[in-house]
Amino acid sequence: MSMQQLIYASRPFGYDSSILANILSVARLRNAQNDITGALICRQDIYLQLLEGPEGQVESTFDKISEDDRHIELTLLVRCHVEDRLFPQWAMKHDPARSWMWSPKEIQEGVQFRASAQAVRSIFLRSTDPTEL
């Protein structure tokens, strides 16, 4: 069954652990209700999120995120149809950005907006490592 996969990047506004905890708890609840799975990679200078599921549900969720004032410079990086989910067991996996992620200097220079769809997807593919589950 074909599903929509969408990846966006934004800069957090007012990022701290309590804001992140709230984002994750609300996302997990709503995504589970809407058959959406995905992952959020984040740190104080970037949110990089992958959403996957039924096209209408993914688009509706992205529209809500686009209106959320906790995001600055929200930019859609990838929108495609996929046959299989990358995160079938995660309503929203939290993955703090690791050393393989772009550096703060690269983020400031906009690397996330120049990266190919394949390069962006590969970040999430690395975070599907079963040893992290």
N, C-alpha and C. Protein backbone atom coordinates (compact mmCIF):
# COMPACT_ATOMS: atom_id res chain seq x y z
N MET A 1 0.84 -1.19 0.00
CA MET A 1 0.00 0.00 0.00
C MET A 1 0.89 1.25 0.00
N SER A 2 0.67 2.11 -0.96
CA SER A 2 1.47 3.33 -1.08
C SER A 2 1.08 4.35 -0.01
N MET A 3 2.08 4.96 0.56
CA MET A 3 1.86 5.98 1.58
C MET A 3 2.66 7.22 1.22
N GLN A 4 2.29 8.31 1.82
CA GLN A 4 3.04 9.55 1.66
C GLN A 4 4.14 9.61 2.71
N GLN A 5 5.29 10.08 2.29
CA GLN A 5 6.39 10.35 3.23
C GLN A 5 6.79 11.80 3.00
N LEU A 6 6.94 12.52 4.09
CA LEU A 6 7.23 13.94 4.02
C LEU A 6 8.33 14.24 5.04
N ILE A 7 9.32 15.04 4.65
CA ILE A 7 10.39 15.45 5.55
C ILE A 7 10.51 16.96 5.46
N TYR A 8 10.58 17.60 6.61
CA TYR A 8 10.77 19.05 6.64
C TYR A 8 11.87 19.39 7.64
N ALA A 9 12.39 20.59 7.49
CA ALA A 9 13.35 21.13 8.44
C ALA A 9 12.84 22.49 8.90
N SER A 10 13.14 22.82 10.15
CA SER A 10 12.84 24.16 10.65
C SER A 10 13.83 24.48 11.77
N ARG A 11 13.83 25.74 12.14
CA ARG A 11 14.61 26.15 13.30
C ARG A 11 13.65 26.27 14.47
N PRO A 12 14.01 25.75 15.62
CA PRO A 12 13.14 25.86 16.79
C PRO A 12 13.09 27.29 17.31
N PHE A 13 11.93 27.68 17.77
CA PHE A 13 11.77 28.97 18.47
C PHE A 13 11.50 28.64 19.93
N GLY A 14 12.36 29.11 20.82
CA GLY A 14 12.18 28.86 22.25
C GLY A 14 12.41 27.42 22.64
N TYR A 15 13.42 26.78 22.08
CA TYR A 15 13.68 25.36 22.30
C TYR A 15 14.19 25.11 23.72
N ASP A 16 13.57 24.18 24.41
CA ASP A 16 14.09 23.65 25.67
C ASP A 16 13.46 22.28 25.89
N SER A 17 13.91 21.59 26.92
CA SER A 17 13.46 20.20 27.11
C SER A 17 11.96 20.10 27.37
N SER A 18 11.36 21.07 28.03
CA SER A 18 9.92 20.99 28.29
C SER A 18 9.10 21.20 27.01
N ILE A 19 9.55 22.10 26.17
CA ILE A 19 8.87 22.30 24.88
C ILE A 19 8.99 21.03 24.04
N LEU A 20 10.17 20.45 24.01
CA LEU A 20 10.38 19.22 23.25
C LEU A 20 9.51 18.09 23.79
N ALA A 21 9.45 17.94 25.11
CA ALA A 21 8.61 16.89 25.72
C ALA A 21 7.15 17.07 25.33
N ASN A 22 6.68 18.32 25.31
CA ASN A 22 5.30 18.60 24.93
C ASN A 22 5.06 18.26 23.46
N ILE A 23 5.97 18.67 22.59
CA ILE A 23 5.84 18.37 21.17
C ILE A 23 5.75 16.85 20.95
N LEU A 24 6.64 16.12 21.61
CA LEU A 24 6.66 14.66 21.44
C LEU A 24 5.40 13.99 21.98
N SER A 25 4.93 14.42 23.14
CA SER A 25 3.74 13.77 23.71
C SER A 25 2.50 14.03 22.85
N VAL A 26 2.34 15.26 22.38
CA VAL A 26 1.19 15.58 21.53
C VAL A 26 1.30 14.86 20.19
N ALA A 27 2.51 14.87 19.60
CA ALA A 27 2.70 14.20 18.31
C ALA A 27 2.42 12.71 18.41
N ARG A 28 2.89 12.08 19.47
CA ARG A 28 2.67 10.64 19.61
C ARG A 28 1.18 10.31 19.73
N LEU A 29 0.46 11.09 20.48
CA LEU A 29 -0.97 10.87 20.65
C LEU A 29 -1.71 11.08 19.33
N ARG A 30 -1.51 12.24 18.71
CA ARG A 30 -2.24 12.55 17.47
C ARG A 30 -1.82 11.64 16.32
N ASN A 31 -0.54 11.35 16.22
CA ASN A 31 -0.09 10.49 15.12
C ASN A 31 -0.66 9.09 15.24
N ALA A 32 -0.71 8.56 16.45
CA ALA A 32 -1.30 7.24 16.66
C ALA A 32 -2.76 7.23 16.24
N GLN A 33 -3.48 8.31 16.52
CA GLN A 33 -4.89 8.41 16.14
C GLN A 33 -5.08 8.51 14.63
N ASN A 34 -4.05 9.04 13.93
CA ASN A 34 -4.17 9.30 12.50
C ASN A 34 -3.35 8.36 11.61
N ASP A 35 -2.88 7.25 12.19
CA ASP A 35 -2.11 6.25 11.44
C ASP A 35 -0.84 6.85 10.83
N ILE A 36 -0.22 7.78 11.56
CA ILE A 36 1.02 8.40 11.11
C ILE A 36 2.16 7.88 11.98
N THR A 37 3.27 7.58 11.34
CA THR A 37 4.49 7.22 12.07
C THR A 37 5.59 8.16 11.61
N GLY A 38 6.72 8.13 12.32
CA GLY A 38 7.80 8.98 11.91
C GLY A 38 8.85 9.17 12.97
N ALA A 39 9.69 10.18 12.74
CA ALA A 39 10.78 10.46 13.66
C ALA A 39 11.06 11.95 13.66
N LEU A 40 11.51 12.43 14.81
CA LEU A 40 11.91 13.82 14.97
C LEU A 40 13.35 13.84 15.45
N ILE A 41 14.21 14.41 14.64
CA ILE A 41 15.60 14.61 15.01
C ILE A 41 15.73 16.09 15.37
N CYS A 42 16.26 16.35 16.55
CA CYS A 42 16.27 17.75 16.95
C CYS A 42 17.42 18.09 17.88
N ARG A 43 17.72 19.34 17.87
CA ARG A 43 18.62 19.96 18.83
C ARG A 43 18.28 21.44 18.80
N GLN A 44 18.99 22.26 19.52
CA GLN A 44 18.57 23.66 19.67
C GLN A 44 18.58 24.45 18.37
N ASP A 45 19.27 23.98 17.31
CA ASP A 45 19.32 24.74 16.06
C ASP A 45 18.53 24.13 14.90
N ILE A 46 17.93 22.93 15.11
CA ILE A 46 17.19 22.32 13.99
C ILE A 46 16.16 21.32 14.49
N TYR A 47 15.01 21.34 13.80
CA TYR A 47 14.07 20.23 13.83
C TYR A 47 14.15 19.62 12.44
N LEU A 48 14.31 18.31 12.37
CA LEU A 48 14.25 17.59 11.11
C LEU A 48 13.27 16.45 11.36
N GLN A 49 12.13 16.51 10.69
CA GLN A 49 11.07 15.54 10.99
C GLN A 49 10.62 14.81 9.75
N LEU A 50 10.40 13.50 9.92
CA LEU A 50 9.86 12.65 8.88
C LEU A 50 8.48 12.19 9.35
N LEU A 51 7.49 12.37 8.48
CA LEU A 51 6.13 11.89 8.72
C LEU A 51 5.79 10.92 7.61
N GLU A 52 5.07 9.83 7.95
CA GLU A 52 4.67 8.87 6.93
C GLU A 52 3.31 8.28 7.30
N GLY A 53 2.52 8.04 6.27
CA GLY A 53 1.20 7.48 6.48
C GLY A 53 0.28 7.84 5.33
N PRO A 54 -1.04 7.72 5.55
CA PRO A 54 -2.00 8.08 4.51
C PRO A 54 -1.81 9.54 4.08
N GLU A 55 -1.84 9.77 2.77
CA GLU A 55 -1.53 11.10 2.23
C GLU A 55 -2.33 12.23 2.89
N GLY A 56 -3.63 12.07 2.98
CA GLY A 56 -4.45 13.14 3.57
C GLY A 56 -4.08 13.44 5.02
N GLN A 57 -3.79 12.40 5.77
CA GLN A 57 -3.43 12.58 7.18
C GLN A 57 -2.06 13.26 7.31
N VAL A 58 -1.12 12.84 6.48
CA VAL A 58 0.22 13.45 6.52
C VAL A 58 0.14 14.92 6.13
N GLU A 59 -0.60 15.22 5.07
CA GLU A 59 -0.73 16.61 4.63
C GLU A 59 -1.41 17.48 5.69
N SER A 60 -2.46 16.94 6.32
CA SER A 60 -3.16 17.68 7.37
C SER A 60 -2.23 17.94 8.56
N THR A 61 -1.44 16.95 8.93
CA THR A 61 -0.50 17.12 10.03
C THR A 61 0.55 18.16 9.68
N PHE A 62 1.07 18.10 8.46
CA PHE A 62 2.06 19.08 8.04
C PHE A 62 1.48 20.49 8.02
N ASP A 63 0.22 20.63 7.60
CA ASP A 63 -0.43 21.95 7.63
C ASP A 63 -0.48 22.51 9.06
N LYS A 64 -0.80 21.66 10.03
CA LYS A 64 -0.85 22.10 11.43
C LYS A 64 0.55 22.49 11.93
N ILE A 65 1.53 21.71 11.57
CA ILE A 65 2.91 22.02 11.96
C ILE A 65 3.34 23.35 11.34
N SER A 66 2.94 23.58 10.09
CA SER A 66 3.30 24.83 9.39
C SER A 66 2.75 26.06 10.09
N GLU A 67 1.65 25.90 10.80
CA GLU A 67 1.03 27.03 11.52
C GLU A 67 1.55 27.18 12.94
N ASP A 68 2.39 26.25 13.40
CA ASP A 68 2.89 26.24 14.78
C ASP A 68 4.03 27.25 14.91
N ASP A 69 3.85 28.22 15.83
CA ASP A 69 4.86 29.27 15.97
C ASP A 69 6.14 28.83 16.69
N ARG A 70 6.24 27.56 17.02
CA ARG A 70 7.50 27.04 17.58
C ARG A 70 8.50 26.71 16.49
N HIS A 71 8.08 26.88 15.21
CA HIS A 71 8.95 26.61 14.07
C HIS A 71 9.25 27.92 13.33
N ILE A 72 10.52 28.12 13.01
CA ILE A 72 10.96 29.25 12.19
C ILE A 72 11.55 28.68 10.92
N GLU A 73 11.29 29.35 9.80
CA GLU A 73 11.85 28.93 8.51
C GLU A 73 11.53 27.47 8.19
N LEU A 74 10.30 27.07 8.41
CA LEU A 74 9.90 25.70 8.09
C LEU A 74 9.95 25.50 6.58
N THR A 75 10.67 24.47 6.16
CA THR A 75 10.87 24.21 4.74
C THR A 75 10.65 22.73 4.44
N LEU A 76 9.79 22.47 3.48
CA LEU A 76 9.57 21.10 3.02
C LEU A 76 10.78 20.65 2.22
N LEU A 77 11.37 19.53 2.59
CA LEU A 77 12.56 19.02 1.91
C LEU A 77 12.26 17.84 1.01
N VAL A 78 11.35 16.96 1.43
CA VAL A 78 11.03 15.74 0.66
C VAL A 78 9.53 15.48 0.77
N ARG A 79 8.92 15.16 -0.36
CA ARG A 79 7.53 14.69 -0.39
C ARG A 79 7.49 13.61 -1.46
N CYS A 80 7.19 12.39 -1.04
CA CYS A 80 7.18 11.29 -2.00
C CYS A 80 6.22 10.20 -1.52
N HIS A 81 5.96 9.27 -2.41
CA HIS A 81 5.18 8.10 -2.05
C HIS A 81 6.13 6.94 -1.80
N VAL A 82 5.83 6.16 -0.79
CA VAL A 82 6.67 5.01 -0.42
C VAL A 82 5.77 3.79 -0.22
N GLU A 83 6.36 2.63 -0.37
CA GLU A 83 5.61 1.39 -0.16
C GLU A 83 5.66 0.94 1.30
N ASP A 84 6.78 1.20 1.96
CA ASP A 84 6.98 0.73 3.34
C ASP A 84 7.38 1.89 4.24
N ARG A 85 6.94 1.81 5.48
CA ARG A 85 7.31 2.81 6.47
C ARG A 85 8.73 2.57 6.98
N LEU A 86 9.44 3.64 7.26
CA LEU A 86 10.74 3.53 7.90
C LEU A 86 10.59 3.30 9.40
N PHE A 87 9.51 3.83 9.99
CA PHE A 87 9.31 3.77 11.44
C PHE A 87 7.94 3.20 11.78
N PRO A 88 7.65 1.97 11.36
CA PRO A 88 6.30 1.42 11.55
C PRO A 88 5.88 1.32 13.01
N GLN A 89 6.81 1.18 13.93
CA GLN A 89 6.47 1.01 15.34
C GLN A 89 6.54 2.31 16.14
N TRP A 90 6.80 3.43 15.49
CA TRP A 90 6.98 4.69 16.21
C TRP A 90 5.93 5.72 15.79
N ALA A 91 5.03 6.08 16.69
CA ALA A 91 4.12 7.19 16.41
C ALA A 91 4.94 8.46 16.24
N MET A 92 6.04 8.59 17.00
CA MET A 92 7.02 9.65 16.79
C MET A 92 8.27 9.30 17.57
N LYS A 93 9.26 8.83 16.86
CA LYS A 93 10.53 8.50 17.50
C LYS A 93 11.30 9.79 17.75
N HIS A 94 11.88 9.92 18.91
CA HIS A 94 12.73 11.06 19.22
C HIS A 94 14.17 10.62 19.06
N ASP A 95 14.90 11.33 18.24
CA ASP A 95 16.30 11.02 18.02
C ASP A 95 17.10 12.30 18.16
N PRO A 96 17.73 12.50 19.31
CA PRO A 96 18.57 13.70 19.43
C PRO A 96 19.66 13.65 18.36
N ALA A 97 19.93 14.75 17.72
CA ALA A 97 20.92 14.79 16.65
C ALA A 97 22.27 14.28 17.16
N ARG A 98 22.83 13.36 16.45
CA ARG A 98 24.12 12.75 16.82
C ARG A 98 25.25 13.39 16.03
N SER A 99 26.45 12.90 16.25
CA SER A 99 27.63 13.48 15.61
C SER A 99 27.57 13.37 14.08
N TRP A 100 26.80 12.41 13.52
CA TRP A 100 26.71 12.27 12.08
C TRP A 100 25.83 13.35 11.45
N MET A 101 25.13 14.09 12.28
CA MET A 101 24.25 15.16 11.81
C MET A 101 25.11 16.34 11.39
N TRP A 102 24.54 17.23 10.64
CA TRP A 102 25.24 18.44 10.22
C TRP A 102 25.69 19.24 11.44
N SER A 103 26.79 19.94 11.30
CA SER A 103 27.31 20.77 12.39
C SER A 103 26.45 22.03 12.53
N PRO A 104 26.50 22.68 13.71
CA PRO A 104 25.77 23.95 13.87
C PRO A 104 26.16 24.98 12.81
N LYS A 105 27.42 25.01 12.43
CA LYS A 105 27.86 25.95 11.39
C LYS A 105 27.21 25.61 10.05
N GLU A 106 27.16 24.31 9.71
CA GLU A 106 26.52 23.90 8.46
C GLU A 106 25.03 24.25 8.46
N ILE A 107 24.36 24.05 9.60
CA ILE A 107 22.93 24.40 9.72
C ILE A 107 22.76 25.89 9.51
N GLN A 108 23.60 26.68 10.15
CA GLN A 108 23.52 28.14 10.03
C GLN A 108 23.70 28.58 8.57
N GLU A 109 24.54 27.84 7.84
CA GLU A 109 24.79 28.16 6.43
C GLU A 109 23.74 27.56 5.49
N GLY A 110 22.77 26.80 6.04
CA GLY A 110 21.65 26.30 5.25
C GLY A 110 21.87 24.98 4.53
N VAL A 111 22.77 24.14 5.03
CA VAL A 111 23.01 22.85 4.38
C VAL A 111 21.73 22.03 4.24
N GLN A 112 20.83 22.14 5.21
CA GLN A 112 19.61 21.35 5.18
C GLN A 112 18.72 21.71 3.98
N PHE A 113 18.87 22.91 3.46
CA PHE A 113 18.05 23.33 2.32
C PHE A 113 18.69 22.97 0.99
N ARG A 114 19.98 22.65 1.00
CA ARG A 114 20.70 22.29 -0.22
C ARG A 114 20.86 20.78 -0.37
N ALA A 115 20.62 20.03 0.68
CA ALA A 115 20.83 18.58 0.65
C ALA A 115 19.83 17.92 -0.30
N SER A 116 20.27 16.87 -0.96
CA SER A 116 19.37 16.12 -1.85
C SER A 116 18.36 15.34 -1.02
N ALA A 117 17.27 14.96 -1.66
CA ALA A 117 16.25 14.14 -0.97
C ALA A 117 16.89 12.85 -0.45
N GLN A 118 17.79 12.26 -1.24
CA GLN A 118 18.45 11.02 -0.83
C GLN A 118 19.31 11.25 0.42
N ALA A 119 20.02 12.38 0.47
CA ALA A 119 20.87 12.67 1.63
C ALA A 119 20.02 12.88 2.88
N VAL A 120 18.90 13.56 2.74
CA VAL A 120 18.01 13.80 3.88
C VAL A 120 17.41 12.48 4.36
N ARG A 121 16.92 11.67 3.42
CA ARG A 121 16.34 10.37 3.80
C ARG A 121 17.38 9.48 4.47
N SER A 122 18.64 9.58 4.04
CA SER A 122 19.68 8.71 4.60
C SER A 122 19.91 9.00 6.09
N ILE A 123 19.67 10.23 6.50
CA ILE A 123 19.78 10.56 7.94
C ILE A 123 18.78 9.73 8.73
N PHE A 124 17.56 9.64 8.22
CA PHE A 124 16.54 8.85 8.91
C PHE A 124 16.81 7.35 8.78
N LEU A 125 17.34 6.92 7.67
CA LEU A 125 17.67 5.50 7.52
C LEU A 125 18.68 5.07 8.59
N ARG A 126 19.64 5.93 8.88
CA ARG A 126 20.61 5.61 9.93
C ARG A 126 19.95 5.51 11.29
N SER A 127 18.90 6.28 11.50
CA SER A 127 18.26 6.25 12.83
C SER A 127 17.27 5.09 12.98
N THR A 128 17.14 4.25 11.95
CA THR A 128 16.30 3.05 12.07
C THR A 128 17.08 1.87 12.60
N ASP A 129 18.31 2.09 12.99
CA ASP A 129 19.18 1.04 13.54
C ASP A 129 18.46 0.30 14.66
N PRO A 130 18.21 -1.01 14.51
CA PRO A 130 17.45 -1.76 15.53
C PRO A 130 18.12 -1.80 16.90
N THR A 131 19.40 -1.53 16.99
CA THR A 131 20.05 -1.52 18.29
C THR A 131 19.63 -0.32 19.11
N GLU A 132 19.01 0.67 18.47
CA GLU A 132 18.55 1.86 19.18
C GLU A 132 17.12 1.73 19.68
N LEU A 133 16.41 0.69 19.30
CA LEU A 133 14.98 0.57 19.65
C LEU A 133 14.74 0.25 21.08
